[in-house]
Amino acid sequence: MTSLDYLPAQMDLRWVQGDDVVFQFKIIGKNYSGATGKAQVRKKRDRSSELITSFTVTVTGSGNDTDIQAYIPSANNTTVGKGYWDLELEDSEGSTRTILAGTVEIIPEITT
């Protein structure tokens, strides 16, 4: 039997509470120039679940590739615990694709 998946790549994230968080990704072979990105962390794997934090997403196309930066400033990184995240891109024609998703673990900070 043949099957096709149109699912996002699985990527689990961990970071320390209170830090500035910056993740950088490269999509090879697809240029999403002009796309906008959104990424959120929620308590449960459900869009109506409690929002823990949101990333600011920057998308830059170069040749056949796309560079993505996802950023959370320390002021928005105050919650500790586990959750789920995903990153969506909306291209210039309005088509949306979730490209990354996974679990999140936010470790308590020690030094304040």
N, C-alpha and C. Protein backbone atom coordinates (compact mmCIF):
# COMPACT_ATOMS: atom_id res chain seq x y z
N MET A 1 0.84 -1.17 0.00
CA MET A 1 0.00 0.00 0.00
C MET A 1 0.89 1.24 0.00
N THR A 2 0.55 2.20 -0.80
CA THR A 2 1.27 3.46 -0.88
C THR A 2 0.55 4.50 -0.03
N SER A 3 1.32 5.32 0.66
CA SER A 3 0.71 6.40 1.43
C SER A 3 1.50 7.69 1.19
N LEU A 4 0.82 8.79 1.33
CA LEU A 4 1.44 10.10 1.19
C LEU A 4 1.17 10.89 2.46
N ASP A 5 2.20 11.55 2.95
CA ASP A 5 2.04 12.42 4.11
C ASP A 5 2.23 13.86 3.68
N TYR A 6 1.37 14.70 4.17
CA TYR A 6 1.51 16.14 3.96
C TYR A 6 1.54 16.80 5.34
N LEU A 7 2.41 16.25 6.16
CA LEU A 7 2.52 16.68 7.55
C LEU A 7 3.77 17.54 7.74
N PRO A 8 3.76 18.39 8.77
CA PRO A 8 4.95 19.19 9.04
C PRO A 8 6.09 18.31 9.55
N ALA A 9 7.32 18.77 9.35
CA ALA A 9 8.48 18.10 9.92
C ALA A 9 8.40 18.22 11.44
N GLN A 10 8.75 17.14 12.12
CA GLN A 10 8.71 17.11 13.58
C GLN A 10 10.00 17.70 14.14
N MET A 11 9.87 18.72 15.00
CA MET A 11 11.03 19.32 15.66
C MET A 11 10.62 19.71 17.07
N ASP A 12 11.22 19.07 18.05
CA ASP A 12 10.95 19.38 19.44
C ASP A 12 11.93 20.46 19.91
N LEU A 13 11.44 21.39 20.74
CA LEU A 13 12.23 22.54 21.19
C LEU A 13 12.32 22.56 22.71
N ARG A 14 13.48 23.00 23.20
CA ARG A 14 13.69 23.21 24.64
C ARG A 14 14.45 24.52 24.82
N TRP A 15 14.08 25.26 25.87
CA TRP A 15 14.82 26.46 26.21
C TRP A 15 14.61 26.80 27.67
N VAL A 16 15.34 27.82 28.15
CA VAL A 16 15.28 28.24 29.54
C VAL A 16 14.38 29.47 29.67
N GLN A 17 13.49 29.42 30.64
CA GLN A 17 12.60 30.54 30.97
C GLN A 17 13.43 31.81 31.19
N GLY A 18 12.93 32.95 30.71
CA GLY A 18 13.58 34.22 30.95
C GLY A 18 14.67 34.59 29.95
N ASP A 19 15.04 33.66 29.07
CA ASP A 19 16.05 33.96 28.05
C ASP A 19 15.39 34.50 26.78
N ASP A 20 16.18 35.25 26.00
CA ASP A 20 15.78 35.53 24.63
C ASP A 20 15.94 34.22 23.87
N VAL A 21 14.95 33.86 23.08
CA VAL A 21 14.98 32.59 22.34
C VAL A 21 15.01 32.90 20.85
N VAL A 22 16.00 32.35 20.14
CA VAL A 22 16.11 32.53 18.70
C VAL A 22 16.41 31.18 18.06
N PHE A 23 15.53 30.74 17.18
CA PHE A 23 15.76 29.53 16.40
C PHE A 23 15.84 29.92 14.94
N GLN A 24 16.80 29.33 14.22
CA GLN A 24 16.94 29.61 12.79
C GLN A 24 16.82 28.30 12.03
N PHE A 25 16.04 28.33 10.96
CA PHE A 25 15.78 27.17 10.12
C PHE A 25 16.06 27.52 8.68
N LYS A 26 16.43 26.54 7.89
CA LYS A 26 16.61 26.72 6.45
C LYS A 26 15.79 25.66 5.73
N ILE A 27 14.97 26.10 4.79
CA ILE A 27 14.23 25.20 3.92
C ILE A 27 15.00 25.17 2.60
N ILE A 28 15.50 24.02 2.24
CA ILE A 28 16.31 23.87 1.03
C ILE A 28 15.41 23.40 -0.12
N GLY A 29 15.53 24.09 -1.24
CA GLY A 29 14.78 23.70 -2.43
C GLY A 29 13.41 24.32 -2.56
N LYS A 30 13.07 25.28 -1.67
CA LYS A 30 11.77 25.97 -1.78
C LYS A 30 11.96 27.41 -1.33
N ASN A 31 11.63 28.35 -2.20
CA ASN A 31 11.77 29.76 -1.89
C ASN A 31 10.40 30.32 -1.52
N TYR A 32 10.25 30.70 -0.27
CA TYR A 32 9.00 31.29 0.22
C TYR A 32 9.10 32.81 0.30
N SER A 33 9.83 33.45 -0.63
CA SER A 33 9.92 34.91 -0.63
C SER A 33 8.52 35.50 -0.63
N GLY A 34 8.33 36.52 0.18
CA GLY A 34 7.03 37.17 0.26
C GLY A 34 6.07 36.49 1.21
N ALA A 35 6.47 35.36 1.79
CA ALA A 35 5.59 34.65 2.72
C ALA A 35 5.65 35.33 4.09
N THR A 36 4.59 35.16 4.85
CA THR A 36 4.58 35.59 6.24
C THR A 36 4.51 34.35 7.11
N GLY A 37 5.10 34.44 8.28
CA GLY A 37 5.14 33.29 9.18
C GLY A 37 4.50 33.58 10.52
N LYS A 38 3.94 32.53 11.11
CA LYS A 38 3.37 32.61 12.46
C LYS A 38 3.79 31.34 13.20
N ALA A 39 4.09 31.49 14.48
CA ALA A 39 4.41 30.33 15.31
C ALA A 39 3.94 30.61 16.73
N GLN A 40 3.30 29.62 17.32
CA GLN A 40 2.78 29.76 18.68
C GLN A 40 3.10 28.51 19.49
N VAL A 41 3.13 28.70 20.81
CA VAL A 41 3.26 27.61 21.76
C VAL A 41 1.98 27.58 22.58
N ARG A 42 1.36 26.41 22.64
CA ARG A 42 0.12 26.25 23.41
C ARG A 42 0.25 25.10 24.40
N LYS A 43 -0.55 25.16 25.44
CA LYS A 43 -0.51 24.16 26.50
C LYS A 43 -0.86 22.76 25.97
N LYS A 44 -1.86 22.69 25.11
CA LYS A 44 -2.28 21.41 24.52
C LYS A 44 -2.21 21.52 23.01
N ARG A 45 -2.24 20.39 22.34
CA ARG A 45 -2.18 20.36 20.88
C ARG A 45 -3.57 20.68 20.31
N ASP A 46 -3.97 21.93 20.51
CA ASP A 46 -5.31 22.36 20.12
C ASP A 46 -5.29 23.88 20.01
N ARG A 47 -5.79 24.42 18.91
CA ARG A 47 -5.73 25.87 18.70
C ARG A 47 -6.55 26.67 19.70
N SER A 48 -7.49 26.02 20.40
CA SER A 48 -8.27 26.73 21.41
C SER A 48 -7.65 26.60 22.80
N SER A 49 -6.55 25.88 22.91
CA SER A 49 -5.86 25.71 24.18
C SER A 49 -5.18 27.01 24.61
N GLU A 50 -4.83 27.08 25.89
CA GLU A 50 -4.15 28.26 26.44
C GLU A 50 -2.86 28.58 25.67
N LEU A 51 -2.73 29.84 25.25
CA LEU A 51 -1.54 30.31 24.55
C LEU A 51 -0.44 30.58 25.58
N ILE A 52 0.70 29.93 25.41
CA ILE A 52 1.84 30.14 26.31
C ILE A 52 2.67 31.33 25.82
N THR A 53 3.02 31.35 24.55
CA THR A 53 3.77 32.46 23.96
C THR A 53 3.71 32.36 22.45
N SER A 54 4.12 33.42 21.79
CA SER A 54 4.19 33.46 20.32
C SER A 54 5.59 33.86 19.89
N PHE A 55 6.01 33.35 18.75
CA PHE A 55 7.27 33.74 18.14
C PHE A 55 7.01 34.88 17.16
N THR A 56 7.98 35.76 17.00
CA THR A 56 8.03 36.67 15.87
C THR A 56 8.80 35.93 14.79
N VAL A 57 8.21 35.79 13.61
CA VAL A 57 8.81 34.97 12.54
C VAL A 57 9.22 35.87 11.39
N THR A 58 10.49 35.72 10.97
CA THR A 58 11.02 36.44 9.82
C THR A 58 11.35 35.43 8.73
N VAL A 59 10.85 35.68 7.52
CA VAL A 59 11.05 34.77 6.38
C VAL A 59 11.82 35.51 5.30
N THR A 60 12.93 34.91 4.85
CA THR A 60 13.76 35.50 3.81
C THR A 60 14.07 34.45 2.75
N GLY A 61 13.69 34.71 1.50
CA GLY A 61 13.99 33.80 0.41
C GLY A 61 15.30 34.17 -0.26
N SER A 62 16.06 33.14 -0.66
CA SER A 62 17.34 33.37 -1.32
C SER A 62 17.58 32.24 -2.31
N GLY A 63 17.55 32.57 -3.61
CA GLY A 63 17.71 31.51 -4.62
C GLY A 63 16.58 30.50 -4.51
N ASN A 64 16.93 29.23 -4.34
CA ASN A 64 15.92 28.17 -4.19
C ASN A 64 15.65 27.82 -2.74
N ASP A 65 16.16 28.60 -1.80
CA ASP A 65 16.05 28.27 -0.39
C ASP A 65 15.32 29.37 0.38
N THR A 66 14.93 29.04 1.62
CA THR A 66 14.28 30.00 2.50
C THR A 66 14.93 29.94 3.88
N ASP A 67 15.25 31.09 4.43
CA ASP A 67 15.75 31.19 5.80
C ASP A 67 14.62 31.70 6.69
N ILE A 68 14.46 31.06 7.82
CA ILE A 68 13.41 31.43 8.76
C ILE A 68 14.05 31.66 10.13
N GLN A 69 13.67 32.77 10.75
CA GLN A 69 14.09 33.02 12.13
C GLN A 69 12.84 33.16 12.98
N ALA A 70 12.80 32.45 14.10
CA ALA A 70 11.70 32.52 15.06
C ALA A 70 12.26 33.04 16.37
N TYR A 71 11.67 34.11 16.90
CA TYR A 71 12.23 34.83 18.05
C TYR A 71 11.17 35.06 19.12
N ILE A 72 11.58 34.85 20.37
CA ILE A 72 10.77 35.21 21.54
C ILE A 72 11.65 36.07 22.45
N PRO A 73 11.26 37.32 22.72
CA PRO A 73 12.04 38.13 23.65
C PRO A 73 11.87 37.62 25.08
N SER A 74 12.87 37.87 25.90
CA SER A 74 12.83 37.37 27.29
C SER A 74 11.57 37.82 28.03
N ALA A 75 11.07 39.00 27.74
CA ALA A 75 9.87 39.50 28.42
C ALA A 75 8.63 38.65 28.12
N ASN A 76 8.63 37.92 27.00
CA ASN A 76 7.50 37.06 26.64
C ASN A 76 7.79 35.59 26.94
N ASN A 77 8.88 35.33 27.65
CA ASN A 77 9.30 33.97 27.96
C ASN A 77 9.29 33.77 29.47
N THR A 78 8.09 33.81 30.07
CA THR A 78 7.97 33.78 31.53
C THR A 78 7.36 32.49 32.06
N THR A 79 6.78 31.68 31.21
CA THR A 79 6.09 30.46 31.63
C THR A 79 7.06 29.28 31.65
N VAL A 80 6.85 28.37 32.59
CA VAL A 80 7.63 27.13 32.70
C VAL A 80 6.69 25.97 32.42
N GLY A 81 7.21 24.93 31.77
CA GLY A 81 6.39 23.73 31.58
C GLY A 81 6.52 23.17 30.18
N LYS A 82 5.54 22.34 29.84
CA LYS A 82 5.54 21.67 28.55
C LYS A 82 4.35 22.11 27.73
N GLY A 83 4.52 22.02 26.42
CA GLY A 83 3.45 22.39 25.52
C GLY A 83 3.75 21.89 24.12
N TYR A 84 3.06 22.50 23.16
CA TYR A 84 3.18 22.12 21.75
C TYR A 84 3.33 23.39 20.93
N TRP A 85 4.02 23.26 19.80
CA TRP A 85 4.22 24.42 18.94
C TRP A 85 4.07 24.02 17.49
N ASP A 86 3.82 25.01 16.64
CA ASP A 86 3.95 24.81 15.20
C ASP A 86 4.29 26.14 14.54
N LEU A 87 4.77 26.03 13.31
CA LEU A 87 5.15 27.19 12.52
C LEU A 87 4.47 27.08 11.17
N GLU A 88 3.69 28.12 10.84
CA GLU A 88 2.96 28.17 9.57
C GLU A 88 3.53 29.27 8.68
N LEU A 89 3.53 29.00 7.38
CA LEU A 89 3.87 30.02 6.40
C LEU A 89 2.67 30.24 5.49
N GLU A 90 2.39 31.50 5.20
CA GLU A 90 1.36 31.84 4.24
C GLU A 90 2.04 32.52 3.07
N ASP A 91 1.94 31.91 1.87
CA ASP A 91 2.63 32.47 0.71
C ASP A 91 1.87 33.65 0.13
N SER A 92 2.43 34.27 -0.89
CA SER A 92 1.85 35.49 -1.47
C SER A 92 0.49 35.27 -2.12
N GLU A 93 0.14 34.00 -2.43
CA GLU A 93 -1.18 33.70 -2.99
C GLU A 93 -2.21 33.37 -1.91
N GLY A 94 -1.79 33.40 -0.63
CA GLY A 94 -2.72 33.14 0.46
C GLY A 94 -2.80 31.68 0.88
N SER A 95 -1.95 30.83 0.32
CA SER A 95 -1.94 29.42 0.69
C SER A 95 -1.12 29.23 1.97
N THR A 96 -1.69 28.51 2.94
CA THR A 96 -1.04 28.30 4.23
C THR A 96 -0.53 26.88 4.34
N ARG A 97 0.67 26.73 4.90
CA ARG A 97 1.27 25.41 5.10
C ARG A 97 1.98 25.39 6.44
N THR A 98 1.66 24.41 7.28
CA THR A 98 2.38 24.20 8.53
C THR A 98 3.62 23.40 8.18
N ILE A 99 4.80 23.98 8.42
CA ILE A 99 6.03 23.33 7.98
C ILE A 99 6.80 22.65 9.11
N LEU A 100 6.61 23.13 10.35
CA LEU A 100 7.29 22.53 11.50
C LEU A 100 6.31 22.42 12.66
N ALA A 101 6.46 21.39 13.48
CA ALA A 101 5.62 21.22 14.67
C ALA A 101 6.32 20.28 15.63
N GLY A 102 5.95 20.37 16.89
CA GLY A 102 6.52 19.46 17.87
C GLY A 102 6.16 19.84 19.29
N THR A 103 6.92 19.28 20.22
CA THR A 103 6.71 19.57 21.63
C THR A 103 7.67 20.68 22.07
N VAL A 104 7.33 21.30 23.19
CA VAL A 104 8.15 22.34 23.78
C VAL A 104 8.33 22.02 25.26
N GLU A 105 9.54 22.22 25.75
CA GLU A 105 9.80 22.13 27.18
C GLU A 105 10.55 23.39 27.58
N ILE A 106 9.96 24.14 28.52
CA ILE A 106 10.57 25.38 29.01
C ILE A 106 11.08 25.10 30.43
N ILE A 107 12.39 25.16 30.57
CA ILE A 107 13.08 24.82 31.80
C ILE A 107 13.11 26.05 32.73
N PRO A 108 12.85 25.88 34.03
CA PRO A 108 12.90 27.03 34.94
C PRO A 108 14.28 27.67 35.00
N GLU A 109 14.30 29.00 35.02
CA GLU A 109 15.57 29.70 35.16
C GLU A 109 16.00 29.66 36.64
N ILE A 110 17.27 29.83 36.86
CA ILE A 110 17.81 29.84 38.22
C ILE A 110 18.20 31.26 38.61
N THR A 111 18.97 31.90 37.75
CA THR A 111 19.44 33.26 38.02
C THR A 111 18.42 34.26 37.52
N THR A 112 18.07 35.24 38.36
CA THR A 112 17.13 36.28 37.93
C THR A 112 17.82 37.62 37.89
